[in-house]
Amino acid sequence: MGLIQIENMEFYAYHGCFKEEQIVGNKFLVNLKLETEMSKPAKTDDINDALNYQTAYNLVRTEMKQKSHLLENIAKRILDVLYKNFDNIEKAEVKVSKMNPPMGGKMEKVSVTLTR
């Protein structure tokens, strides 16, 4: 068993509950942890035997382009599409962070993490 981590994928997207957020947009970070069996690709050195993390990135990028009100919805959609496209995921964790959220105070980010 092994762990693939794709860290701090940065997207400019239009998610949020406020109308202004869906017009102006904001910066988001996405982190993935994907547990998968790695003994075969480690032996064969063949991308076809591995969980292709370039494909995983492209799936996340596509989901980030679809507007959502809640970070929870984005995280769920990302997990759904990953499990739909990869049959070799044993466990997945996604963390979606909104940078500088409009909450009336100064903060770096707010994040939601889902695990399946």
C-alpha atoms as a PDB file:
ATOM      1  CA  MET A   1       0.000   0.000   0.000  1.00  0.00           C
ATOM      2  CA  GLY A   2       1.192   3.502  -0.718  1.00  0.00           C
ATOM      3  CA  LEU A   3       0.087   7.110  -0.476  1.00  0.00           C
ATOM      4  CA  ILE A   4      -0.036   9.673  -3.283  1.00  0.00           C
ATOM      5  CA  GLN A   5      -0.334  13.266  -2.116  1.00  0.00           C
ATOM      6  CA  ILE A   6      -1.111  16.116  -4.467  1.00  0.00           C
ATOM      7  CA  GLU A   7      -0.592  19.225  -2.404  1.00  0.00           C
ATOM      8  CA  ASN A   8      -1.709  22.832  -2.697  1.00  0.00           C
ATOM      9  CA  MET A   9      -3.344  22.694  -6.099  1.00  0.00           C
ATOM     10  CA  GLU A  10      -4.334  26.312  -6.640  1.00  0.00           C
ATOM     11  CA  PHE A  11      -7.470  27.382  -8.494  1.00  0.00           C
ATOM     12  CA  TYR A  12      -9.291  30.638  -9.014  1.00  0.00           C
ATOM     13  CA  ALA A  13     -12.969  29.751  -8.810  1.00  0.00           C
ATOM     14  CA  TYR A  14     -16.431  31.155  -8.143  1.00  0.00           C
ATOM     15  CA  HIS A  15     -17.718  29.251  -5.114  1.00  0.00           C
ATOM     16  CA  GLY A  16     -19.590  30.734  -2.177  1.00  0.00           C
ATOM     17  CA  CYS A  17     -22.963  31.469  -0.641  1.00  0.00           C
ATOM     18  CA  PHE A  18     -22.818  35.176  -1.402  1.00  0.00           C
ATOM     19  CA  LYS A  19     -23.752  36.415  -4.872  1.00  0.00           C
ATOM     20  CA  GLU A  20     -20.596  38.544  -4.933  1.00  0.00           C
ATOM     21  CA  GLU A  21     -18.395  35.479  -4.378  1.00  0.00           C
ATOM     22  CA  GLN A  22     -19.883  33.799  -7.421  1.00  0.00           C
ATOM     23  CA  ILE A  23     -19.160  36.914  -9.500  1.00  0.00           C
ATOM     24  CA  VAL A  24     -15.783  38.097  -8.194  1.00  0.00           C
ATOM     25  CA  GLY A  25     -14.334  34.684  -7.325  1.00  0.00           C
ATOM     26  CA  ASN A  26     -11.569  33.717  -4.950  1.00  0.00           C
ATOM     27  CA  LYS A  27      -8.431  31.617  -4.652  1.00  0.00           C
ATOM     28  CA  PHE A  28      -8.876  28.011  -3.496  1.00  0.00           C
ATOM     29  CA  LEU A  29      -6.370  25.330  -2.527  1.00  0.00           C
ATOM     30  CA  VAL A  30      -7.073  21.612  -2.871  1.00  0.00           C
ATOM     31  CA  ASN A  31      -5.045  18.824  -1.268  1.00  0.00           C
ATOM     32  CA  LEU A  32      -5.498  15.147  -2.065  1.00  0.00           C
ATOM     33  CA  LYS A  33      -4.344  12.005  -0.309  1.00  0.00           C
ATOM     34  CA  LEU A  34      -4.933   8.820  -2.272  1.00  0.00           C
ATOM     35  CA  GLU A  35      -4.105   5.427  -0.786  1.00  0.00           C
ATOM     36  CA  THR A  36      -3.541   2.770  -3.412  1.00  0.00           C
ATOM     37  CA  GLU A  37      -1.638  -0.452  -4.010  1.00  0.00           C
ATOM     38  CA  MET A  38       1.760   0.445  -5.444  1.00  0.00           C
ATOM     39  CA  SER A  39       3.646  -2.829  -5.592  1.00  0.00           C
ATOM     40  CA  LYS A  40       2.848  -3.504  -9.268  1.00  0.00           C
ATOM     41  CA  PRO A  41       3.744  -0.045 -10.653  1.00  0.00           C
ATOM     42  CA  ALA A  42       6.830   0.028  -8.417  1.00  0.00           C
ATOM     43  CA  LYS A  43       7.929  -3.208 -10.071  1.00  0.00           C
ATOM     44  CA  THR A  44       6.858  -2.568 -13.693  1.00  0.00           C
ATOM     45  CA  ASP A  45       7.659   1.168 -13.893  1.00  0.00           C
ATOM     46  CA  ASP A  46       4.568   1.452 -16.119  1.00  0.00           C
ATOM     47  CA  ILE A  47       2.106   4.357 -15.749  1.00  0.00           C
ATOM     48  CA  ASN A  48      -0.714   2.043 -16.881  1.00  0.00           C
ATOM     49  CA  ASP A  49      -0.269   0.057 -13.659  1.00  0.00           C
ATOM     50  CA  ALA A  50      -0.374   3.159 -11.449  1.00  0.00           C
ATOM     51  CA  LEU A  51      -2.957   5.618 -10.234  1.00  0.00           C
ATOM     52  CA  ASN A  52      -2.196   8.429 -12.670  1.00  0.00           C
ATOM     53  CA  TYR A  53      -2.001  11.601 -10.609  1.00  0.00           C
ATOM     54  CA  GLN A  54      -2.043  13.799 -13.728  1.00  0.00           C
ATOM     55  CA  THR A  55      -5.506  12.401 -14.450  1.00  0.00           C
ATOM     56  CA  ALA A  56      -6.481  12.991 -10.813  1.00  0.00           C
ATOM     57  CA  TYR A  57      -5.382  16.628 -11.102  1.00  0.00           C
ATOM     58  CA  ASN A  58      -7.402  17.115 -14.287  1.00  0.00           C
ATOM     59  CA  LEU A  59     -10.501  15.659 -12.613  1.00  0.00           C
ATOM     60  CA  VAL A  60     -10.101  18.058  -9.670  1.00  0.00           C
ATOM     61  CA  ARG A  61      -9.576  20.995 -12.034  1.00  0.00           C
ATOM     62  CA  THR A  62     -12.813  20.150 -13.879  1.00  0.00           C
ATOM     63  CA  GLU A  63     -14.782  19.980 -10.611  1.00  0.00           C
ATOM     64  CA  MET A  64     -13.352  23.299  -9.437  1.00  0.00           C
ATOM     65  CA  LYS A  65     -14.783  24.982 -12.554  1.00  0.00           C
ATOM     66  CA  GLN A  66     -18.356  24.095 -11.494  1.00  0.00           C
ATOM     67  CA  LYS A  67     -19.841  26.659  -9.097  1.00  0.00           C
ATOM     68  CA  SER A  68     -20.925  25.502  -5.640  1.00  0.00           C
ATOM     69  CA  HIS A  69     -22.211  27.305  -2.581  1.00  0.00           C
ATOM     70  CA  LEU A  70     -20.434  25.053  -0.064  1.00  0.00           C
ATOM     71  CA  LEU A  71     -16.936  23.644   0.274  1.00  0.00           C
ATOM     72  CA  GLU A  72     -18.563  20.401   1.441  1.00  0.00           C
ATOM     73  CA  ASN A  73     -20.254  20.043  -1.944  1.00  0.00           C
ATOM     74  CA  ILE A  74     -17.004  20.625  -3.831  1.00  0.00           C
ATOM     75  CA  ALA A  75     -15.152  18.058  -1.695  1.00  0.00           C
ATOM     76  CA  LYS A  76     -17.891  15.450  -2.186  1.00  0.00           C
ATOM     77  CA  ARG A  77     -17.958  15.965  -5.947  1.00  0.00           C
ATOM     78  CA  ILE A  78     -14.175  15.564  -6.095  1.00  0.00           C
ATOM     79  CA  LEU A  79     -14.327  12.289  -4.147  1.00  0.00           C
ATOM     80  CA  ASP A  80     -17.202  11.055  -6.325  1.00  0.00           C
ATOM     81  CA  VAL A  81     -15.350  11.695  -9.580  1.00  0.00           C
ATOM     82  CA  LEU A  82     -12.109  10.170  -8.304  1.00  0.00           C
ATOM     83  CA  TYR A  83     -13.820   6.949  -7.228  1.00  0.00           C
ATOM     84  CA  LYS A  84     -15.743   6.865 -10.503  1.00  0.00           C
ATOM     85  CA  ASN A  85     -12.543   7.097 -12.564  1.00  0.00           C
ATOM     86  CA  PHE A  86     -10.125   5.006 -10.490  1.00  0.00           C
ATOM     87  CA  ASP A  87     -10.895   1.476  -9.325  1.00  0.00           C
ATOM     88  CA  ASN A  88      -7.620   1.226  -7.407  1.00  0.00           C
ATOM     89  CA  ILE A  89      -8.281   3.813  -4.659  1.00  0.00           C
ATOM     90  CA  GLU A  90      -8.337   2.195  -1.225  1.00  0.00           C
ATOM     91  CA  LYS A  91      -8.918   5.435   0.667  1.00  0.00           C
ATOM     92  CA  ALA A  92      -9.105   9.080  -0.350  1.00  0.00           C
ATOM     93  CA  GLU A  93      -9.033  12.368   1.506  1.00  0.00           C
ATOM     94  CA  VAL A  94      -9.701  15.767  -0.016  1.00  0.00           C
ATOM     95  CA  LYS A  95      -9.209  19.120   1.670  1.00  0.00           C
ATOM     96  CA  VAL A  96     -10.680  22.214   0.006  1.00  0.00           C
ATOM     97  CA  SER A  97      -9.606  25.615   1.340  1.00  0.00           C
ATOM     98  CA  LYS A  98     -11.008  29.047   0.523  1.00  0.00           C
ATOM     99  CA  MET A  99      -8.381  31.732   0.941  1.00  0.00           C
ATOM    100  CA  ASN A 100      -9.312  35.016   2.665  1.00  0.00           C
ATOM    101  CA  PRO A 101     -13.004  34.157   3.099  1.00  0.00           C
ATOM    102  CA  PRO A 102     -15.400  37.093   3.510  1.00  0.00           C
ATOM    103  CA  MET A 103     -16.293  36.452   7.166  1.00  0.00           C
ATOM    104  CA  GLY A 104     -15.882  39.916   8.642  1.00  0.00           C
ATOM    105  CA  GLY A 105     -12.428  39.339  10.064  1.00  0.00           C
ATOM    106  CA  LYS A 106      -8.857  38.677   9.015  1.00  0.00           C
ATOM    107  CA  MET A 107      -7.997  35.027   8.424  1.00  0.00           C
ATOM    108  CA  GLU A 108      -5.853  33.047   6.051  1.00  0.00           C
ATOM    109  CA  LYS A 109      -8.396  30.421   4.995  1.00  0.00           C
ATOM    110  CA  VAL A 110     -11.291  28.171   5.883  1.00  0.00           C
ATOM    111  CA  SER A 111     -11.109  24.480   4.984  1.00  0.00           C
ATOM    112  CA  VAL A 112     -13.286  21.405   4.708  1.00  0.00           C
ATOM    113  CA  THR A 113     -11.854  17.871   4.696  1.00  0.00           C
ATOM    114  CA  LEU A 114     -13.747  14.760   3.611  1.00  0.00           C
ATOM    115  CA  THR A 115     -12.482  11.190   3.717  1.00  0.00           C
ATOM    116  CA  ARG A 116     -13.865   8.106   2.051  1.00  0.00           C
END
